[in-house]
Amino acid sequence: MDASAFPEEFRIAVAQLHAARLRPEVFCEEMPAPQRIAPYASALSADVTVDGDDVGTGRIVLLHDPQGNDAWEGSFRCVAYARAEIDPEMANDPLLAEVGWTWLTEALAAHGASYVAPSGTVTKVASESFGSMADEDATAQLEIRASWTPVGPTGQPLDLGPHAEAWGELLCTAAGLPPVPEGVSPLPSRRGQRGRG
């Protein structure tokens, strides 16, 4: 569908999503969006790379229904996914799932991304090898799937940038990157900006 056929508020929201400032470790690019969930959708995928190794991956999808959606409690919905390799010892922590969810809510709060109607799951998967594969190290992954309805601050228009930045922070936190010090803005590398826009 020609982008000019999209409603203006959706075009603005997509532009805000693409303009989000992500850490240089996050390589983000546009990807095909699901077509049947909402009348309008846009999606970004990302990989978190440290020293040439991919340590996390994810995607964020922006859904828009101009008529609104009762389940969303609004006309926009963010759907996010993050997956990262974790230390197999961490997978045994009974609080890991709760901590994973907190990473998302804290990232949204830190970026000033207001929202309603959050929902999601946190899954931890641990794998051990046996038999002829017994030499292989145990592995573990954490997957966070979440959705929320973005809302603008009272009396102000919706800005999707902080929501995308919070998703980027979630990817980095799940992948074990240390937080950017308070008061320091990440300067995205060219790699982190390639394919967006």
N, C-alpha and C. Protein backbone atom coordinates (compact mmCIF):
# COMPACT_ATOMS: atom_id res chain seq x y z
N MET A 1 0.85 -1.18 0.00
CA MET A 1 0.00 0.00 0.00
C MET A 1 0.89 1.24 0.00
N ASP A 2 0.52 2.21 -0.82
CA ASP A 2 1.26 3.47 -0.91
C ASP A 2 1.17 4.21 0.43
N ALA A 3 2.33 4.66 0.93
CA ALA A 3 2.36 5.34 2.24
C ALA A 3 1.46 6.56 2.27
N SER A 4 1.25 7.20 1.13
CA SER A 4 0.40 8.40 1.10
C SER A 4 -1.05 8.06 1.39
N ALA A 5 -1.40 6.78 1.29
CA ALA A 5 -2.78 6.35 1.58
C ALA A 5 -2.99 6.12 3.08
N PHE A 6 -1.90 6.14 3.86
CA PHE A 6 -2.02 5.94 5.30
C PHE A 6 -2.58 7.19 5.95
N PRO A 7 -3.33 7.03 7.05
CA PRO A 7 -3.79 8.21 7.79
C PRO A 7 -2.59 9.02 8.28
N GLU A 8 -2.75 10.33 8.34
CA GLU A 8 -1.63 11.19 8.73
C GLU A 8 -1.10 10.84 10.11
N GLU A 9 -2.00 10.55 11.08
CA GLU A 9 -1.50 10.26 12.43
C GLU A 9 -0.66 8.99 12.45
N PHE A 10 -0.96 8.04 11.56
CA PHE A 10 -0.14 6.83 11.48
C PHE A 10 1.20 7.14 10.84
N ARG A 11 1.22 7.94 9.78
CA ARG A 11 2.48 8.32 9.13
C ARG A 11 3.39 9.06 10.12
N ILE A 12 2.82 9.95 10.93
CA ILE A 12 3.60 10.68 11.93
C ILE A 12 4.16 9.70 12.97
N ALA A 13 3.33 8.77 13.43
CA ALA A 13 3.76 7.80 14.45
C ALA A 13 4.90 6.92 13.92
N VAL A 14 4.80 6.50 12.65
CA VAL A 14 5.86 5.67 12.05
C VAL A 14 7.15 6.48 11.96
N ALA A 15 7.05 7.74 11.56
CA ALA A 15 8.24 8.60 11.48
C ALA A 15 8.89 8.75 12.85
N GLN A 16 8.07 8.88 13.89
CA GLN A 16 8.60 8.99 15.26
C GLN A 16 9.32 7.69 15.66
N LEU A 17 8.73 6.57 15.29
CA LEU A 17 9.33 5.27 15.59
C LEU A 17 10.71 5.16 14.95
N HIS A 18 10.80 5.58 13.69
CA HIS A 18 12.05 5.48 12.93
C HIS A 18 13.09 6.48 13.42
N ALA A 19 12.65 7.59 14.01
CA ALA A 19 13.58 8.63 14.47
C ALA A 19 14.13 8.36 15.86
N ALA A 20 13.66 7.30 16.51
CA ALA A 20 14.11 7.00 17.88
C ALA A 20 15.62 6.83 17.91
N ARG A 21 16.23 7.33 18.98
CA ARG A 21 17.69 7.22 19.15
C ARG A 21 17.98 5.95 19.95
N LEU A 22 18.65 5.02 19.29
CA LEU A 22 19.00 3.75 19.92
C LEU A 22 20.51 3.69 20.15
N ARG A 23 20.92 2.86 21.09
CA ARG A 23 22.34 2.71 21.38
C ARG A 23 23.08 2.19 20.15
N PRO A 24 24.38 2.50 20.05
CA PRO A 24 25.14 2.08 18.86
C PRO A 24 25.23 0.56 18.71
N GLU A 25 25.02 -0.19 19.80
CA GLU A 25 25.07 -1.65 19.70
C GLU A 25 23.82 -2.23 19.02
N VAL A 26 22.81 -1.39 18.82
CA VAL A 26 21.54 -1.86 18.26
C VAL A 26 21.48 -1.53 16.77
N PHE A 27 21.49 -2.57 15.94
CA PHE A 27 21.33 -2.41 14.49
C PHE A 27 19.86 -2.65 14.19
N CYS A 28 19.19 -1.62 13.70
CA CYS A 28 17.74 -1.65 13.52
C CYS A 28 17.40 -1.42 12.05
N GLU A 29 16.42 -2.14 11.55
CA GLU A 29 15.97 -1.95 10.18
C GLU A 29 14.48 -2.28 10.07
N GLU A 30 13.89 -1.75 9.02
CA GLU A 30 12.47 -1.99 8.79
C GLU A 30 12.26 -3.44 8.36
N MET A 31 11.13 -3.99 8.74
CA MET A 31 10.79 -5.36 8.33
C MET A 31 9.32 -5.38 7.95
N PRO A 32 8.88 -6.40 7.20
CA PRO A 32 7.45 -6.48 6.86
C PRO A 32 6.61 -6.60 8.13
N ALA A 33 5.53 -5.85 8.16
CA ALA A 33 4.64 -5.88 9.34
C ALA A 33 3.51 -6.88 9.10
N PRO A 34 2.98 -7.46 10.17
CA PRO A 34 1.82 -8.35 10.01
C PRO A 34 0.65 -7.57 9.42
N GLN A 35 -0.09 -8.20 8.53
CA GLN A 35 -1.13 -7.49 7.78
C GLN A 35 -2.55 -7.66 8.33
N ARG A 36 -2.81 -8.69 9.10
CA ARG A 36 -4.20 -9.00 9.46
C ARG A 36 -4.60 -8.58 10.86
N ILE A 37 -3.66 -8.06 11.64
CA ILE A 37 -3.97 -7.75 13.04
C ILE A 37 -4.69 -6.41 13.16
N ALA A 38 -4.32 -5.45 12.31
CA ALA A 38 -4.89 -4.10 12.37
C ALA A 38 -4.92 -3.53 10.96
N PRO A 39 -5.75 -2.50 10.72
CA PRO A 39 -5.79 -1.91 9.38
C PRO A 39 -4.44 -1.36 8.91
N TYR A 40 -3.62 -0.86 9.85
CA TYR A 40 -2.32 -0.30 9.51
C TYR A 40 -1.28 -0.84 10.47
N ALA A 41 -0.09 -1.16 9.94
CA ALA A 41 0.98 -1.69 10.79
C ALA A 41 2.34 -1.34 10.20
N SER A 42 3.30 -1.15 11.08
CA SER A 42 4.69 -0.92 10.69
C SER A 42 5.56 -1.67 11.68
N ALA A 43 6.72 -2.16 11.22
CA ALA A 43 7.56 -2.98 12.11
C ALA A 43 9.04 -2.71 11.89
N LEU A 44 9.78 -2.82 12.99
CA LEU A 44 11.24 -2.73 12.97
C LEU A 44 11.80 -3.99 13.63
N SER A 45 12.93 -4.46 13.10
CA SER A 45 13.65 -5.55 13.77
C SER A 45 15.00 -5.02 14.19
N ALA A 46 15.60 -5.68 15.16
CA ALA A 46 16.89 -5.22 15.65
C ALA A 46 17.72 -6.39 16.15
N ASP A 47 19.04 -6.22 16.02
CA ASP A 47 20.00 -7.13 16.62
C ASP A 47 20.92 -6.30 17.51
N VAL A 48 21.27 -6.86 18.65
CA VAL A 48 22.23 -6.22 19.54
C VAL A 48 23.56 -6.93 19.33
N THR A 49 24.58 -6.16 18.93
CA THR A 49 25.87 -6.74 18.59
C THR A 49 26.96 -6.13 19.46
N VAL A 50 27.76 -6.99 20.08
CA VAL A 50 28.89 -6.56 20.91
C VAL A 50 30.13 -7.30 20.42
N ASP A 51 31.15 -6.55 20.05
CA ASP A 51 32.41 -7.13 19.56
C ASP A 51 32.17 -8.15 18.44
N GLY A 52 31.24 -7.83 17.56
CA GLY A 52 30.97 -8.69 16.41
C GLY A 52 30.05 -9.85 16.68
N ASP A 53 29.64 -10.04 17.92
CA ASP A 53 28.74 -11.15 18.26
C ASP A 53 27.32 -10.63 18.48
N ASP A 54 26.34 -11.31 17.89
CA ASP A 54 24.94 -10.97 18.16
C ASP A 54 24.58 -11.55 19.53
N VAL A 55 24.18 -10.67 20.44
CA VAL A 55 23.86 -11.11 21.81
C VAL A 55 22.38 -10.96 22.14
N GLY A 56 21.62 -10.37 21.23
CA GLY A 56 20.19 -10.20 21.45
C GLY A 56 19.50 -9.85 20.15
N THR A 57 18.21 -10.08 20.11
CA THR A 57 17.44 -9.76 18.92
C THR A 57 16.03 -9.38 19.34
N GLY A 58 15.33 -8.69 18.48
CA GLY A 58 13.96 -8.34 18.81
C GLY A 58 13.26 -7.63 17.67
N ARG A 59 12.02 -7.28 17.93
CA ARG A 59 11.25 -6.51 16.95
C ARG A 59 10.18 -5.72 17.70
N ILE A 60 9.75 -4.65 17.06
CA ILE A 60 8.64 -3.87 17.60
C ILE A 60 7.68 -3.61 16.44
N VAL A 61 6.41 -3.80 16.70
CA VAL A 61 5.38 -3.60 15.69
C VAL A 61 4.43 -2.52 16.21
N LEU A 62 4.14 -1.56 15.35
CA LEU A 62 3.17 -0.52 15.67
C LEU A 62 1.90 -0.83 14.91
N LEU A 63 0.81 -1.01 15.64
CA LEU A 63 -0.50 -1.28 15.05
C LEU A 63 -1.38 -0.04 15.19
N HIS A 64 -2.22 0.19 14.18
CA HIS A 64 -3.12 1.34 14.25
C HIS A 64 -4.48 0.97 13.68
N ASP A 65 -5.51 1.26 14.45
CA ASP A 65 -6.89 1.12 14.01
C ASP A 65 -7.57 2.45 14.28
N PRO A 66 -7.81 3.24 13.21
CA PRO A 66 -8.40 4.57 13.41
C PRO A 66 -9.73 4.55 14.16
N GLN A 67 -10.43 3.42 14.12
CA GLN A 67 -11.71 3.30 14.82
C GLN A 67 -11.52 3.01 16.31
N GLY A 68 -10.29 2.72 16.68
CA GLY A 68 -10.03 2.34 18.07
C GLY A 68 -10.30 0.86 18.27
N ASN A 69 -9.77 0.33 19.34
CA ASN A 69 -9.93 -1.09 19.65
C ASN A 69 -10.16 -1.19 21.16
N ASP A 70 -11.30 -1.76 21.54
CA ASP A 70 -11.66 -1.83 22.96
C ASP A 70 -10.59 -2.56 23.78
N ALA A 71 -10.04 -3.64 23.23
CA ALA A 71 -9.04 -4.41 23.97
C ALA A 71 -7.76 -3.59 24.17
N TRP A 72 -7.46 -2.71 23.22
CA TRP A 72 -6.26 -1.88 23.32
C TRP A 72 -6.49 -0.67 24.22
N GLU A 73 -7.73 -0.25 24.35
CA GLU A 73 -8.08 1.00 25.05
C GLU A 73 -7.49 2.20 24.31
N GLY A 74 -7.45 2.11 22.99
CA GLY A 74 -6.93 3.20 22.18
C GLY A 74 -6.90 2.82 20.71
N SER A 75 -6.27 3.67 19.89
CA SER A 75 -6.21 3.39 18.45
C SER A 75 -4.83 2.93 17.99
N PHE A 76 -3.82 2.97 18.88
CA PHE A 76 -2.49 2.46 18.58
C PHE A 76 -2.15 1.35 19.56
N ARG A 77 -1.27 0.45 19.13
CA ARG A 77 -0.78 -0.61 20.01
C ARG A 77 0.66 -0.93 19.64
N CYS A 78 1.54 -0.99 20.63
CA CYS A 78 2.92 -1.43 20.43
C CYS A 78 3.01 -2.91 20.82
N VAL A 79 3.60 -3.71 19.95
CA VAL A 79 3.83 -5.12 20.23
C VAL A 79 5.33 -5.35 20.11
N ALA A 80 5.95 -5.79 21.19
CA ALA A 80 7.41 -5.92 21.22
C ALA A 80 7.84 -7.33 21.58
N TYR A 81 9.01 -7.67 21.06
CA TYR A 81 9.62 -8.97 21.33
C TYR A 81 11.11 -8.74 21.56
N ALA A 82 11.67 -9.41 22.55
CA ALA A 82 13.11 -9.35 22.81
C ALA A 82 13.58 -10.74 23.21
N ARG A 83 14.72 -11.14 22.66
CA ARG A 83 15.30 -12.44 23.02
C ARG A 83 16.80 -12.27 23.19
N ALA A 84 17.34 -12.87 24.24
CA ALA A 84 18.77 -12.76 24.49
C ALA A 84 19.29 -14.05 25.10
N GLU A 85 20.56 -14.34 24.80
CA GLU A 85 21.24 -15.44 25.46
C GLU A 85 21.53 -15.01 26.89
N ILE A 86 21.34 -15.90 27.82
CA ILE A 86 21.66 -15.59 29.22
C ILE A 86 22.52 -16.70 29.80
N ASP A 87 23.15 -16.42 30.90
CA ASP A 87 23.95 -17.42 31.60
C ASP A 87 23.01 -18.54 32.06
N PRO A 88 23.33 -19.80 31.75
CA PRO A 88 22.44 -20.90 32.16
C PRO A 88 22.11 -20.89 33.65
N GLU A 89 23.02 -20.38 34.48
CA GLU A 89 22.74 -20.29 35.92
C GLU A 89 21.55 -19.36 36.19
N MET A 90 21.46 -18.28 35.39
CA MET A 90 20.36 -17.32 35.57
C MET A 90 19.00 -17.96 35.32
N ALA A 91 18.97 -18.94 34.40
CA ALA A 91 17.70 -19.56 34.04
C ALA A 91 17.06 -20.27 35.23
N ASN A 92 17.86 -20.61 36.24
CA ASN A 92 17.33 -21.29 37.43
C ASN A 92 16.74 -20.32 38.46
N ASP A 93 16.92 -19.04 38.23
CA ASP A 93 16.44 -18.04 39.20
C ASP A 93 14.91 -17.95 39.10
N PRO A 94 14.19 -18.26 40.18
CA PRO A 94 12.73 -18.23 40.12
C PRO A 94 12.16 -16.83 39.89
N LEU A 95 12.95 -15.79 40.13
CA LEU A 95 12.46 -14.43 39.94
C LEU A 95 12.82 -13.86 38.57
N LEU A 96 13.48 -14.65 37.71
CA LEU A 96 13.96 -14.13 36.43
C LEU A 96 12.83 -13.59 35.56
N ALA A 97 11.71 -14.30 35.48
CA ALA A 97 10.62 -13.83 34.63
C ALA A 97 10.09 -12.48 35.12
N GLU A 98 9.91 -12.36 36.41
CA GLU A 98 9.43 -11.10 36.99
C GLU A 98 10.43 -9.97 36.72
N VAL A 99 11.71 -10.28 36.85
CA VAL A 99 12.75 -9.29 36.59
C VAL A 99 12.71 -8.87 35.12
N GLY A 100 12.53 -9.83 34.21
CA GLY A 100 12.44 -9.51 32.79
C GLY A 100 11.31 -8.55 32.49
N TRP A 101 10.16 -8.75 33.12
CA TRP A 101 9.02 -7.85 32.92
C TRP A 101 9.34 -6.47 33.49
N THR A 102 10.03 -6.43 34.62
CA THR A 102 10.41 -5.16 35.23
C THR A 102 11.35 -4.38 34.32
N TRP A 103 12.24 -5.08 33.60
CA TRP A 103 13.12 -4.39 32.65
C TRP A 103 12.31 -3.58 31.66
N LEU A 104 11.20 -4.15 31.18
CA LEU A 104 10.35 -3.43 30.22
C LEU A 104 9.68 -2.23 30.88
N THR A 105 9.02 -2.43 32.00
CA THR A 105 8.28 -1.34 32.62
C THR A 105 9.21 -0.22 33.08
N GLU A 106 10.40 -0.59 33.56
CA GLU A 106 11.36 0.43 33.98
C GLU A 106 11.91 1.20 32.77
N ALA A 107 12.12 0.51 31.65
CA ALA A 107 12.60 1.19 30.44
C ALA A 107 11.54 2.17 29.93
N LEU A 108 10.29 1.76 29.95
CA LEU A 108 9.21 2.66 29.52
C LEU A 108 9.16 3.89 30.43
N ALA A 109 9.26 3.66 31.73
CA ALA A 109 9.22 4.78 32.68
C ALA A 109 10.42 5.70 32.49
N ALA A 110 11.61 5.13 32.31
CA ALA A 110 12.83 5.93 32.18
C ALA A 110 12.80 6.82 30.94
N HIS A 111 12.09 6.39 29.91
CA HIS A 111 12.02 7.16 28.67
C HIS A 111 10.78 8.05 28.61
N GLY A 112 9.99 8.04 29.68
CA GLY A 112 8.79 8.87 29.70
C GLY A 112 7.74 8.40 28.72
N ALA A 113 7.70 7.10 28.48
CA ALA A 113 6.74 6.52 27.54
C ALA A 113 5.48 6.10 28.31
N SER A 114 4.45 6.94 28.24
CA SER A 114 3.20 6.66 28.95
C SER A 114 2.41 5.60 28.20
N TYR A 115 1.72 4.74 28.96
CA TYR A 115 0.99 3.65 28.33
C TYR A 115 -0.14 3.17 29.22
N VAL A 116 -1.05 2.41 28.61
CA VAL A 116 -2.13 1.73 29.34
C VAL A 116 -2.25 0.31 28.78
N ALA A 117 -2.99 -0.52 29.46
CA ALA A 117 -3.32 -1.88 29.04
C ALA A 117 -2.12 -2.74 28.67
N PRO A 118 -1.09 -2.81 29.55
CA PRO A 118 0.05 -3.66 29.22
C PRO A 118 -0.29 -5.14 29.38
N SER A 119 0.34 -5.98 28.56
CA SER A 119 0.21 -7.43 28.73
C SER A 119 1.45 -8.09 28.15
N GLY A 120 1.73 -9.31 28.57
CA GLY A 120 2.88 -9.98 28.00
C GLY A 120 3.27 -11.23 28.75
N THR A 121 4.32 -11.86 28.23
CA THR A 121 4.87 -13.07 28.84
C THR A 121 6.39 -12.98 28.85
N VAL A 122 6.99 -13.64 29.81
CA VAL A 122 8.44 -13.78 29.86
C VAL A 122 8.72 -15.29 29.94
N THR A 123 9.54 -15.76 29.01
CA THR A 123 9.84 -17.19 28.91
C THR A 123 11.33 -17.41 29.04
N LYS A 124 11.72 -18.37 29.85
CA LYS A 124 13.13 -18.74 29.93
C LYS A 124 13.25 -20.18 29.45
N VAL A 125 14.27 -20.39 28.60
CA VAL A 125 14.49 -21.70 28.00
C VAL A 125 15.93 -22.11 28.27
N ALA A 126 16.10 -23.27 28.89
CA ALA A 126 17.45 -23.79 29.15
C ALA A 126 17.63 -25.09 28.38
N SER A 127 18.79 -25.25 27.75
CA SER A 127 19.06 -26.46 26.96
C SER A 127 20.37 -27.09 27.41
N GLU A 128 20.35 -28.41 27.58
CA GLU A 128 21.55 -29.18 27.87
C GLU A 128 21.66 -30.27 26.82
N SER A 129 22.89 -30.58 26.44
CA SER A 129 23.13 -31.57 25.39
C SER A 129 23.59 -32.89 25.98
N PHE A 130 23.21 -33.98 25.28
CA PHE A 130 23.53 -35.33 25.76
C PHE A 130 24.03 -36.19 24.60
N GLY A 131 24.50 -37.37 24.93
CA GLY A 131 24.97 -38.31 23.91
C GLY A 131 26.12 -37.74 23.12
N SER A 132 26.06 -37.86 21.79
CA SER A 132 27.16 -37.39 20.95
C SER A 132 27.32 -35.88 21.00
N MET A 133 26.34 -35.18 21.57
CA MET A 133 26.41 -33.72 21.68
C MET A 133 26.79 -33.28 23.10
N ALA A 134 27.16 -34.22 23.95
CA ALA A 134 27.42 -33.93 25.37
C ALA A 134 28.53 -32.90 25.58
N ASP A 135 29.41 -32.73 24.59
CA ASP A 135 30.52 -31.77 24.72
C ASP A 135 30.03 -30.33 24.65
N GLU A 136 28.86 -30.12 24.10
CA GLU A 136 28.37 -28.76 23.91
C GLU A 136 27.94 -28.15 25.25
N ASP A 137 28.25 -26.88 25.41
CA ASP A 137 27.89 -26.18 26.64
C ASP A 137 26.38 -26.02 26.77
N ALA A 138 25.91 -25.97 28.00
CA ALA A 138 24.50 -25.67 28.26
C ALA A 138 24.23 -24.23 27.80
N THR A 139 23.05 -23.99 27.29
CA THR A 139 22.67 -22.65 26.85
C THR A 139 21.33 -22.29 27.48
N ALA A 140 21.06 -20.99 27.51
CA ALA A 140 19.78 -20.52 28.02
C ALA A 140 19.41 -19.23 27.32
N GLN A 141 18.13 -19.02 27.14
CA GLN A 141 17.63 -17.81 26.51
C GLN A 141 16.47 -17.26 27.31
N LEU A 142 16.32 -15.95 27.23
CA LEU A 142 15.18 -15.27 27.83
C LEU A 142 14.41 -14.60 26.71
N GLU A 143 13.09 -14.80 26.68
CA GLU A 143 12.23 -14.17 25.67
C GLU A 143 11.17 -13.34 26.38
N ILE A 144 11.04 -12.10 25.94
CA ILE A 144 10.03 -11.21 26.49
C ILE A 144 9.11 -10.81 25.34
N ARG A 145 7.83 -11.09 25.50
CA ARG A 145 6.82 -10.69 24.52
C ARG A 145 5.84 -9.79 25.25
N ALA A 146 5.61 -8.61 24.71
CA ALA A 146 4.77 -7.65 25.42
C ALA A 146 4.01 -6.78 24.45
N SER A 147 2.91 -6.24 24.92
CA SER A 147 2.19 -5.24 24.15
C SER A 147 1.61 -4.22 25.12
N TRP A 148 1.46 -2.99 24.63
CA TRP A 148 0.91 -1.92 25.43
C TRP A 148 0.35 -0.86 24.50
N THR A 149 -0.54 -0.05 25.03
CA THR A 149 -1.14 1.04 24.26
C THR A 149 -0.44 2.33 24.64
N PRO A 150 0.28 2.94 23.68
CA PRO A 150 0.96 4.20 23.98
C PRO A 150 -0.04 5.34 24.10
N VAL A 151 0.19 6.20 25.05
CA VAL A 151 -0.66 7.39 25.22
C VAL A 151 0.23 8.61 25.38
N GLY A 152 -0.25 9.75 24.94
CA GLY A 152 0.51 10.98 25.10
C GLY A 152 0.33 11.53 26.49
N PRO A 153 1.31 12.29 26.96
CA PRO A 153 1.14 12.96 28.26
C PRO A 153 -0.12 13.83 28.21
N THR A 154 -0.75 14.03 29.33
CA THR A 154 -2.00 14.79 29.39
C THR A 154 -1.89 16.10 28.62
N GLY A 155 -2.80 16.27 27.67
CA GLY A 155 -2.84 17.51 26.89
C GLY A 155 -1.79 17.61 25.80
N GLN A 156 -0.99 16.54 25.60
CA GLN A 156 0.05 16.58 24.57
C GLN A 156 -0.17 15.46 23.56
N PRO A 157 0.33 15.64 22.32
CA PRO A 157 0.16 14.60 21.32
C PRO A 157 1.03 13.37 21.61
N LEU A 158 0.63 12.27 21.06
CA LEU A 158 1.36 11.02 21.21
C LEU A 158 2.72 11.12 20.51
N ASP A 159 3.76 10.61 21.16
CA ASP A 159 5.10 10.54 20.56
C ASP A 159 5.60 9.11 20.72
N LEU A 160 5.79 8.41 19.60
CA LEU A 160 6.19 7.01 19.65
C LEU A 160 7.69 6.82 19.88
N GLY A 161 8.48 7.89 19.70
CA GLY A 161 9.93 7.77 19.88
C GLY A 161 10.33 7.17 21.21
N PRO A 162 9.82 7.68 22.34
CA PRO A 162 10.20 7.11 23.64
C PRO A 162 9.85 5.62 23.78
N HIS A 163 8.79 5.18 23.12
CA HIS A 163 8.40 3.77 23.19
C HIS A 163 9.43 2.90 22.47
N ALA A 164 9.88 3.36 21.29
CA ALA A 164 10.91 2.62 20.55
C ALA A 164 12.23 2.64 21.31
N GLU A 165 12.56 3.78 21.94
CA GLU A 165 13.80 3.86 22.72
C GLU A 165 13.75 2.93 23.93
N ALA A 166 12.57 2.82 24.56
CA ALA A 166 12.43 1.90 25.69
C ALA A 166 12.60 0.45 25.23
N TRP A 167 12.05 0.13 24.06
CA TRP A 167 12.23 -1.21 23.50
C TRP A 167 13.72 -1.48 23.24
N GLY A 168 14.42 -0.50 22.69
CA GLY A 168 15.85 -0.66 22.45
C GLY A 168 16.61 -0.88 23.74
N GLU A 169 16.22 -0.16 24.80
CA GLU A 169 16.86 -0.35 26.10
C GLU A 169 16.57 -1.74 26.65
N LEU A 170 15.33 -2.22 26.47
CA LEU A 170 14.98 -3.57 26.90
C LEU A 170 15.89 -4.60 26.23
N LEU A 171 16.10 -4.45 24.91
CA LEU A 171 16.97 -5.38 24.19
C LEU A 171 18.38 -5.40 24.81
N CYS A 172 18.91 -4.21 25.08
CA CYS A 172 20.26 -4.11 25.63
C CYS A 172 20.35 -4.66 27.04
N THR A 173 19.34 -4.39 27.87
CA THR A 173 19.33 -4.90 29.24
C THR A 173 19.26 -6.42 29.24
N ALA A 174 18.36 -6.97 28.42
CA ALA A 174 18.21 -8.43 28.35
C ALA A 174 19.51 -9.08 27.88
N ALA A 175 20.24 -8.39 26.99
CA ALA A 175 21.49 -8.93 26.46
C ALA A 175 22.66 -8.74 27.41
N GLY A 176 22.41 -8.07 28.56
CA GLY A 176 23.43 -7.94 29.58
C GLY A 176 24.33 -6.73 29.44
N LEU A 177 23.97 -5.77 28.59
CA LEU A 177 24.78 -4.55 28.46
C LEU A 177 24.56 -3.66 29.67
N PRO A 178 25.61 -3.01 30.15
CA PRO A 178 25.43 -2.10 31.27
C PRO A 178 24.62 -0.89 30.83
N PRO A 179 23.86 -0.28 31.75
CA PRO A 179 23.06 0.89 31.37
C PRO A 179 23.94 2.07 31.00
N VAL A 180 23.40 2.94 30.14
CA VAL A 180 24.09 4.19 29.82
C VAL A 180 23.98 5.07 31.06
N PRO A 181 25.08 5.68 31.51
CA PRO A 181 25.01 6.51 32.72
C PRO A 181 23.96 7.62 32.61
N GLU A 182 23.31 7.92 33.72
CA GLU A 182 22.29 8.95 33.74
C GLU A 182 22.87 10.28 33.27
N GLY A 183 22.12 10.97 32.43
CA GLY A 183 22.56 12.26 31.91
C GLY A 183 23.40 12.15 30.66
N VAL A 184 23.73 10.91 30.24
CA VAL A 184 24.50 10.70 29.02
C VAL A 184 23.56 10.18 27.94
N SER A 185 23.53 10.86 26.81
CA SER A 185 22.70 10.41 25.70
C SER A 185 23.53 9.53 24.78
N PRO A 186 22.99 8.36 24.40
CA PRO A 186 23.76 7.53 23.49
C PRO A 186 23.85 8.20 22.12
N LEU A 187 25.02 8.11 21.51
CA LEU A 187 25.20 8.64 20.16
C LEU A 187 25.16 7.45 19.22
N PRO A 188 24.07 7.29 18.47
CA PRO A 188 23.95 6.11 17.62
C PRO A 188 25.05 6.07 16.57
N SER A 189 25.54 4.88 16.31
CA SER A 189 26.53 4.71 15.24
C SER A 189 25.79 4.65 13.92
N ARG A 190 26.54 4.77 12.83
CA ARG A 190 25.91 4.63 11.51
C ARG A 190 25.25 3.26 11.40
N ARG A 191 25.91 2.24 11.95
CA ARG A 191 25.35 0.89 11.88
C ARG A 191 23.98 0.85 12.55
N GLY A 192 23.85 1.54 13.68
CA GLY A 192 22.59 1.53 14.40
C GLY A 192 21.49 2.30 13.70
N GLN A 193 21.86 3.10 12.69
CA GLN A 193 20.85 3.89 11.99
C GLN A 193 20.57 3.33 10.60
N ARG A 194 21.45 2.47 10.11
CA ARG A 194 21.29 1.97 8.74
C ARG A 194 19.96 1.26 8.54
N GLY A 195 19.34 1.47 7.42
CA GLY A 195 18.11 0.75 7.09
C GLY A 195 16.87 1.36 7.68
N ARG A 196 17.02 2.45 8.43
CA ARG A 196 15.84 3.10 9.02
C ARG A 196 15.60 4.40 8.30
N GLY A 197 14.34 4.85 8.32
CA GLY A 197 14.07 6.16 7.75
C GLY A 197 13.15 6.11 6.60
